[in-house]
Amino acid sequence: MPTCYIIDDEPIAIDIIRRYLDKLEGFEVKGTFEEPLVAFHALKQEPVNLIFLDIQMPGLSGLEMLKALTQKPAVILTTAHREYALEGFELDVVDYLLKPIEFQRFLKAIDKFLERQASFTKSYDNREEQAPAPATSQPEPTILVRANRKSVRVRLSDILYIEGMKDYVKIILPEETLLAKELIGDFEQRLPPGQFFRIHRSFIVPRDKIDAFTAMDVEIGKYEIPIGRTYKAAFMEWIEK
């Protein structure tokens, strides 16, 4: 279970991040800090996997703290000011969240962290191997979805298609359908563009599930999904790559 600290001089900001993490489950908040110097010493005494770090704080800014740490955890920066983004990414942070933080944008940052964790773990395991071992399959890419009052990790390879329904998306899987409160445009941004394509204002399809297509629709198993008139040219270019 990943461990984390939340470091922000605004109690409301801490509460929002903690509430978001509570929705996800699987994350252990080891501490919250409004004083950056106290957090700095806590990180030295008890390191964690991830910190949510505000940039503008009295006494010691988040960027100053990050530069001073010799053992750096994964970092997701939080701030109300866009101008710090470039410097943050130069320090190899996982992501940069602009306040007020929306839950769907928060999920995207968490996905990036989990992908980085999986990559680091695999790299470390490879270095620890003393002798060649049989090849193992890599973890399947997943996406975190908030559905049915819980967070569900869905394998991208299981998605047949996605349908937008006003403020919700319907995720069609082989054995079930998930309904998540998220705009289809926001969900689209969290999908790998080479594997998924929006063929209609209300539909996104995965490349490897397409059985056949015409100028009018796409066939995925028993489903026929319409191609929007304004999406046709871009879809044809994408599918032929």
Foldseek 3Di string as FASTA:
>chain_A
DFEEEEEALDVVQVVVVVVLDVQAPPYHYPYYYNDVVVVLVVCVVDNTQEYEAEADHPPAGRLRSLVPDPDDHAYEYEYQDPVCQVVVVVSVHQYYAHPPGDSLVVQLSVLSSVVVVLVVVVVVVVVPDPDDDPDDDRDARWGWFCFPSHIDTGGPVQFAKWFADVQWIWTDGPVDITIGRHGPVSVVVSDDVLQWDAQANTMIGGLVQFPDDDLFFTDGPPDTGGGDPVRRVVVVVSNVD
